[in-house]
Amino acid sequence: MTAQQESPALLSTEHLRADLKGRSVRGGLMTITWQGIHFALTAVSTIVLAHLLVPSDCGLVAMVRALTTLAQGFADLRTV
């Protein structure tokens, strides 16, 4: 067999269609789980920093976090 004859078989995605619903549900659950973990870690880190920093430094960290979150949102838009 030549490389051109093998190429369509290597690039075939027909085997993925068999369990498309199951794969979609598992992917959605993994995304929701990760978002929950991310939210919990962010909340815990904010609480820890609030206890460790003086109020003026805590406000500075909050402002920087808001700007970096906004910048990350724009960076994510650029990759789509």
N, C-alpha and C. Protein backbone atom coordinates (compact mmCIF):
# COMPACT_ATOMS: atom_id res chain seq x y z
N MET A 1 0.82 -1.19 0.00
CA MET A 1 0.00 0.00 0.00
C MET A 1 0.86 1.25 0.00
N THR A 2 0.43 2.21 -0.73
CA THR A 2 1.17 3.47 -0.76
C THR A 2 0.68 4.37 0.38
N ALA A 3 1.41 5.43 0.61
CA ALA A 3 1.07 6.37 1.68
C ALA A 3 -0.27 7.05 1.40
N GLN A 4 -0.61 7.27 0.13
CA GLN A 4 -1.87 7.92 -0.20
C GLN A 4 -3.06 7.02 0.10
N GLN A 5 -2.90 5.70 -0.02
CA GLN A 5 -3.99 4.78 0.25
C GLN A 5 -4.21 4.62 1.75
N GLU A 6 -3.18 4.71 2.58
CA GLU A 6 -3.29 4.55 4.01
C GLU A 6 -3.83 5.82 4.68
N SER A 7 -3.61 6.97 4.09
CA SER A 7 -3.95 8.25 4.71
C SER A 7 -5.43 8.38 5.07
N PRO A 8 -6.39 8.05 4.21
CA PRO A 8 -7.79 8.18 4.60
C PRO A 8 -8.15 7.32 5.81
N ALA A 9 -7.59 6.14 5.93
CA ALA A 9 -7.89 5.27 7.06
C ALA A 9 -7.31 5.84 8.35
N LEU A 10 -6.16 6.46 8.28
CA LEU A 10 -5.55 7.04 9.47
C LEU A 10 -6.30 8.26 9.96
N LEU A 11 -6.90 9.01 9.06
CA LEU A 11 -7.59 10.24 9.41
C LEU A 11 -9.09 10.05 9.63
N SER A 12 -9.56 8.83 9.59
CA SER A 12 -10.98 8.57 9.73
C SER A 12 -11.45 8.85 11.16
N THR A 13 -12.62 9.45 11.29
CA THR A 13 -13.19 9.75 12.61
C THR A 13 -14.50 9.00 12.83
N GLU A 14 -14.78 8.02 12.02
CA GLU A 14 -16.03 7.26 12.14
C GLU A 14 -16.13 6.55 13.49
N HIS A 15 -15.04 6.11 14.06
CA HIS A 15 -15.08 5.40 15.34
C HIS A 15 -15.47 6.33 16.49
N LEU A 16 -15.33 7.62 16.31
CA LEU A 16 -15.70 8.57 17.36
C LEU A 16 -17.21 8.82 17.40
N ARG A 17 -17.90 8.55 16.32
CA ARG A 17 -19.33 8.81 16.26
C ARG A 17 -20.14 7.78 17.05
N ALA A 18 -19.57 6.63 17.33
CA ALA A 18 -20.31 5.57 18.00
C ALA A 18 -20.77 6.00 19.39
N ASP A 19 -19.94 6.69 20.14
CA ASP A 19 -20.28 7.08 21.51
C ASP A 19 -20.20 8.60 21.66
N LEU A 20 -20.74 9.32 20.69
CA LEU A 20 -20.63 10.77 20.70
C LEU A 20 -21.36 11.38 21.89
N LYS A 21 -22.56 10.87 22.22
CA LYS A 21 -23.31 11.40 23.34
C LYS A 21 -22.57 11.17 24.65
N GLY A 22 -22.05 9.99 24.86
CA GLY A 22 -21.31 9.68 26.09
C GLY A 22 -20.06 10.52 26.23
N ARG A 23 -19.35 10.70 25.14
CA ARG A 23 -18.14 11.53 25.18
C ARG A 23 -18.48 12.98 25.46
N SER A 24 -19.60 13.46 24.91
CA SER A 24 -20.02 14.84 25.15
C SER A 24 -20.41 15.05 26.61
N VAL A 25 -21.15 14.10 27.17
CA VAL A 25 -21.56 14.20 28.57
C VAL A 25 -20.35 14.16 29.49
N ARG A 26 -19.43 13.24 29.24
CA ARG A 26 -18.22 13.16 30.08
C ARG A 26 -17.38 14.43 29.96
N GLY A 27 -17.28 14.97 28.77
CA GLY A 27 -16.54 16.22 28.59
C GLY A 27 -17.19 17.38 29.32
N GLY A 28 -18.51 17.45 29.26
CA GLY A 28 -19.24 18.49 29.98
C GLY A 28 -19.08 18.36 31.49
N LEU A 29 -19.15 17.13 32.00
CA LEU A 29 -18.96 16.91 33.43
C LEU A 29 -17.55 17.28 33.88
N MET A 30 -16.57 16.96 33.06
CA MET A 30 -15.19 17.32 33.40
C MET A 30 -15.02 18.83 33.42
N THR A 31 -15.64 19.52 32.48
CA THR A 31 -15.56 20.98 32.45
C THR A 31 -16.21 21.60 33.67
N ILE A 32 -17.39 21.12 34.03
CA ILE A 32 -18.09 21.63 35.22
C ILE A 32 -17.28 21.34 36.48
N THR A 33 -16.71 20.15 36.57
CA THR A 33 -15.89 19.80 37.73
C THR A 33 -14.68 20.71 37.83
N TRP A 34 -13.99 20.93 36.73
CA TRP A 34 -12.82 21.80 36.75
C TRP A 34 -13.20 23.23 37.14
N GLN A 35 -14.30 23.73 36.63
CA GLN A 35 -14.73 25.08 36.98
C GLN A 35 -15.03 25.19 38.48
N GLY A 36 -15.63 24.15 39.06
CA GLY A 36 -15.89 24.14 40.50
C GLY A 36 -14.60 24.13 41.31
N ILE A 37 -13.64 23.32 40.88
CA ILE A 37 -12.34 23.26 41.57
C ILE A 37 -11.63 24.60 41.44
N HIS A 38 -11.67 25.19 40.28
CA HIS A 38 -11.02 26.48 40.06
C HIS A 38 -11.65 27.56 40.94
N PHE A 39 -12.98 27.57 41.04
CA PHE A 39 -13.67 28.53 41.89
C PHE A 39 -13.28 28.34 43.35
N ALA A 40 -13.25 27.10 43.81
CA ALA A 40 -12.90 26.81 45.21
C ALA A 40 -11.47 27.24 45.52
N LEU A 41 -10.53 26.94 44.63
CA LEU A 41 -9.13 27.33 44.86
C LEU A 41 -8.97 28.85 44.87
N THR A 42 -9.69 29.53 43.99
CA THR A 42 -9.62 30.99 43.96
C THR A 42 -10.19 31.58 45.25
N ALA A 43 -11.31 31.04 45.72
CA ALA A 43 -11.91 31.53 46.95
C ALA A 43 -11.00 31.29 48.14
N VAL A 44 -10.40 30.10 48.23
CA VAL A 44 -9.50 29.79 49.35
C VAL A 44 -8.27 30.68 49.30
N SER A 45 -7.70 30.89 48.13
CA SER A 45 -6.52 31.75 48.06
C SER A 45 -6.84 33.19 48.43
N THR A 46 -8.03 33.65 48.07
CA THR A 46 -8.44 35.00 48.44
C THR A 46 -8.60 35.12 49.96
N ILE A 47 -9.19 34.13 50.58
CA ILE A 47 -9.37 34.13 52.03
C ILE A 47 -8.03 34.11 52.75
N VAL A 48 -7.12 33.27 52.28
CA VAL A 48 -5.79 33.19 52.90
C VAL A 48 -5.06 34.52 52.75
N LEU A 49 -5.08 35.09 51.56
CA LEU A 49 -4.42 36.38 51.36
C LEU A 49 -5.05 37.49 52.20
N ALA A 50 -6.35 37.46 52.37
CA ALA A 50 -7.02 38.48 53.18
C ALA A 50 -6.56 38.41 54.63
N HIS A 51 -6.26 37.22 55.11
CA HIS A 51 -5.79 37.08 56.49
C HIS A 51 -4.31 37.44 56.64
N LEU A 52 -3.54 37.26 55.59
CA LEU A 52 -2.10 37.49 55.67
C LEU A 52 -1.70 38.94 55.39
N LEU A 53 -2.48 39.64 54.58
CA LEU A 53 -2.11 40.98 54.16
C LEU A 53 -2.83 42.05 54.98
N VAL A 54 -2.21 43.20 55.03
CA VAL A 54 -2.89 44.35 55.64
C VAL A 54 -3.93 44.84 54.64
N PRO A 55 -4.97 45.57 55.10
CA PRO A 55 -6.06 45.96 54.19
C PRO A 55 -5.62 46.71 52.94
N SER A 56 -4.65 47.59 53.05
CA SER A 56 -4.23 48.33 51.84
C SER A 56 -3.59 47.39 50.81
N ASP A 57 -2.80 46.43 51.28
CA ASP A 57 -2.20 45.46 50.34
C ASP A 57 -3.25 44.52 49.77
N CYS A 58 -4.23 44.18 50.58
CA CYS A 58 -5.31 43.31 50.10
C CYS A 58 -6.09 44.01 48.98
N GLY A 59 -6.32 45.30 49.12
CA GLY A 59 -6.99 46.06 48.07
C GLY A 59 -6.18 46.12 46.79
N LEU A 60 -4.86 46.26 46.95
CA LEU A 60 -3.98 46.28 45.79
C LEU A 60 -4.01 44.94 45.06
N VAL A 61 -3.98 43.85 45.82
CA VAL A 61 -4.05 42.52 45.21
C VAL A 61 -5.38 42.34 44.48
N ALA A 62 -6.47 42.83 45.07
CA ALA A 62 -7.79 42.72 44.43
C ALA A 62 -7.82 43.48 43.10
N MET A 63 -7.22 44.66 43.08
CA MET A 63 -7.19 45.44 41.83
C MET A 63 -6.36 44.73 40.76
N VAL A 64 -5.21 44.20 41.15
CA VAL A 64 -4.36 43.49 40.19
C VAL A 64 -5.05 42.24 39.69
N ARG A 65 -5.72 41.52 40.59
CA ARG A 65 -6.43 40.30 40.18
C ARG A 65 -7.54 40.64 39.19
N ALA A 66 -8.25 41.74 39.42
CA ALA A 66 -9.31 42.13 38.49
C ALA A 66 -8.73 42.44 37.11
N LEU A 67 -7.62 43.13 37.07
CA LEU A 67 -7.00 43.46 35.78
C LEU A 67 -6.47 42.22 35.07
N THR A 68 -5.84 41.32 35.80
CA THR A 68 -5.31 40.11 35.17
C THR A 68 -6.43 39.20 34.69
N THR A 69 -7.54 39.16 35.42
CA THR A 69 -8.69 38.38 34.97
C THR A 69 -9.27 38.96 33.69
N LEU A 70 -9.37 40.27 33.62
CA LEU A 70 -9.85 40.93 32.41
C LEU A 70 -8.91 40.68 31.23
N ALA A 71 -7.61 40.78 31.48
CA ALA A 71 -6.62 40.53 30.43
C ALA A 71 -6.68 39.07 29.95
N GLN A 72 -6.89 38.15 30.89
CA GLN A 72 -7.00 36.74 30.51
C GLN A 72 -8.24 36.51 29.64
N GLY A 73 -9.32 37.20 29.95
CA GLY A 73 -10.52 37.09 29.13
C GLY A 73 -10.28 37.55 27.70
N PHE A 74 -9.56 38.66 27.54
CA PHE A 74 -9.22 39.12 26.20
C PHE A 74 -8.26 38.17 25.50
N ALA A 75 -7.34 37.58 26.24
CA ALA A 75 -6.41 36.61 25.64
C ALA A 75 -7.17 35.39 25.17
N ASP A 76 -8.17 34.95 25.92
CA ASP A 76 -8.97 33.80 25.51
C ASP A 76 -9.78 34.11 24.26
N LEU A 77 -10.26 35.34 24.12
CA LEU A 77 -11.00 35.72 22.92
C LEU A 77 -10.11 35.68 21.68
N ARG A 78 -8.86 36.03 21.85
CA ARG A 78 -7.95 36.05 20.73
C ARG A 78 -7.64 34.67 20.19
N THR A 79 -7.68 33.64 21.03
CA THR A 79 -7.35 32.30 20.59
C THR A 79 -8.49 31.60 19.90
N VAL A 80 -9.70 32.16 19.97
CA VAL A 80 -10.86 31.51 19.35
C VAL A 80 -10.90 31.79 17.88
